[in-house]
Amino acid sequence: MSTEETSRFVRLRVDLVLEVHDDDAVAKAALRRIAEDPELPAGERAPAEGAVTDDTAEALAYLVDPFDLVSEVPGVELQQASWSSERIDYDPDSPDWDLDEDDGADDEEEGGIG
């Protein structure tokens, strides 16, 4: 049997490049999310607030939730997710950023949803 016939699990990879026009707005949104998070322990609240205030990439990682991407998709349930964000040098004209090219990475070696 093929993998498609034997497994109900699918690894979905998403790679986003965002251009941030307002670091302050992103940080404020992340701070609101932290303030409204009833599951965040009190001892973790101050470090989380500091991280999202100091680093826009951290604020975005706090705001973007993989569950939100698939929660409304019928017939699926998110089993595991992993994500991160970082500041990068981006040149949309560079061939390094061609999303149509296969990056040659082995699916088993990379992290992410799975």
Protein backbone atom coordinates (compact mmCIF):
# COMPACT_ATOMS: atom_id res chain seq x y z
CA MET A 1 0.00 0.00 0.00
CA SER A 2 1.13 3.55 -0.67
CA THR A 3 1.51 6.20 2.01
CA GLU A 4 -1.64 7.91 0.73
CA GLU A 5 -3.64 4.74 1.28
CA THR A 6 -2.34 4.02 4.79
CA SER A 7 -2.06 7.42 6.49
CA ARG A 8 -4.67 9.98 7.37
CA PHE A 9 -2.03 12.49 8.41
CA VAL A 10 -0.87 15.29 6.11
CA ARG A 11 2.04 17.66 6.64
CA LEU A 12 1.13 21.14 5.40
CA ARG A 13 4.06 23.52 5.04
CA VAL A 14 3.47 27.25 4.89
CA ASP A 15 6.24 29.79 4.46
CA LEU A 16 5.19 33.42 4.78
CA VAL A 17 7.21 36.59 4.27
CA LEU A 18 5.53 39.61 5.82
CA GLU A 19 6.46 43.25 5.34
CA VAL A 20 5.94 45.09 8.62
CA HIS A 21 4.93 48.73 8.18
CA ASP A 22 4.17 49.49 11.84
CA ASP A 23 6.22 47.69 14.50
CA ASP A 24 4.32 49.51 17.25
CA ALA A 25 0.91 48.33 16.00
CA VAL A 26 2.15 44.73 15.88
CA ALA A 27 3.58 44.96 19.41
CA LYS A 28 0.35 46.51 20.74
CA ALA A 29 -1.73 43.75 19.16
CA ALA A 30 0.51 41.10 20.73
CA LEU A 31 0.27 42.84 24.13
CA ARG A 32 -3.54 42.80 23.84
CA ARG A 33 -3.45 39.09 23.01
CA ILE A 34 -1.25 38.43 26.06
CA ALA A 35 -3.55 40.47 28.31
CA GLU A 36 -6.59 38.52 27.07
CA ASP A 37 -4.95 35.06 27.34
CA PRO A 38 -6.56 33.31 30.32
CA GLU A 39 -4.26 30.28 29.99
CA LEU A 40 -1.00 32.26 30.28
CA PRO A 41 0.41 31.81 33.80
CA ALA A 42 1.06 35.04 35.70
CA GLY A 43 4.77 34.22 35.95
CA GLU A 44 5.08 34.03 32.16
CA ARG A 45 3.12 37.20 31.41
CA ALA A 46 5.94 39.74 32.05
CA PRO A 47 8.57 37.83 30.01
CA ALA A 48 6.08 37.43 27.13
CA GLU A 49 5.26 41.15 27.23
CA GLY A 50 8.97 42.01 27.17
CA ALA A 51 9.66 39.68 24.26
CA VAL A 52 6.86 41.05 22.05
CA THR A 53 7.76 44.64 22.91
CA ASP A 54 11.47 44.17 22.12
CA ASP A 55 11.15 42.08 18.93
CA THR A 56 8.52 42.44 16.20
CA ALA A 57 9.27 38.92 14.99
CA GLU A 58 8.40 37.58 18.47
CA ALA A 59 5.21 39.64 18.45
CA LEU A 60 4.20 38.12 15.10
CA ALA A 61 4.97 34.61 16.34
CA TYR A 62 2.65 35.30 19.27
CA LEU A 63 -0.12 36.64 17.00
CA VAL A 64 -0.02 34.02 14.23
CA ASP A 65 -1.49 30.72 15.38
CA PRO A 66 -1.53 27.65 13.09
CA PHE A 67 -4.76 26.51 14.73
CA ASP A 68 -6.45 29.63 13.35
CA LEU A 69 -5.38 28.64 9.84
CA VAL A 70 -7.16 25.27 9.95
CA SER A 71 -9.81 25.57 12.66
CA GLU A 72 -12.60 26.20 10.14
CA VAL A 73 -11.52 23.52 7.64
CA PRO A 74 -14.15 20.76 7.70
CA GLY A 75 -13.01 17.22 8.37
CA VAL A 76 -9.57 17.98 9.83
CA GLU A 77 -8.11 18.26 13.31
CA LEU A 78 -4.73 19.87 14.01
CA GLN A 79 -2.52 17.27 15.70
CA GLN A 80 0.76 19.13 16.12
CA ALA A 81 2.19 22.50 15.12
CA SER A 82 5.51 24.26 15.27
CA TRP A 83 6.27 27.75 14.07
CA SER A 84 8.75 30.54 14.53
CA SER A 85 9.55 33.92 13.07
CA GLU A 86 12.71 35.89 12.46
CA ARG A 87 13.80 39.06 10.75
CA ILE A 88 15.29 38.37 7.33
CA ASP A 89 16.88 40.15 4.40
CA TYR A 90 14.34 39.88 1.60
CA ASP A 91 14.77 40.64 -2.07
CA PRO A 92 11.67 39.62 -4.05
CA ASP A 93 13.72 39.69 -7.27
CA SER A 94 16.31 37.23 -5.97
CA PRO A 95 16.07 33.65 -7.29
CA ASP A 96 16.59 32.51 -3.67
CA TRP A 97 12.98 33.54 -3.00
CA ASP A 98 11.37 31.73 -5.94
CA LEU A 99 8.50 29.81 -4.32
CA ASP A 100 7.98 27.67 -7.42
CA GLU A 101 11.35 25.98 -7.09
CA ASP A 102 11.81 22.81 -5.04
CA ASP A 103 14.20 23.62 -2.21
CA GLY A 104 15.57 20.08 -2.27
CA ALA A 105 14.97 19.55 1.43
CA ASP A 106 14.01 16.11 2.64
CA ASP A 107 10.59 16.18 4.35
CA GLU A 108 11.83 13.94 7.15
CA GLU A 109 14.72 16.25 8.07
CA GLU A 110 12.73 19.45 8.54
CA GLY A 111 10.64 20.43 11.54
CA GLY A 112 7.13 21.82 11.42
CA ILE A 113 3.70 20.33 11.46
CA GLY A 114 3.80 16.60 11.64
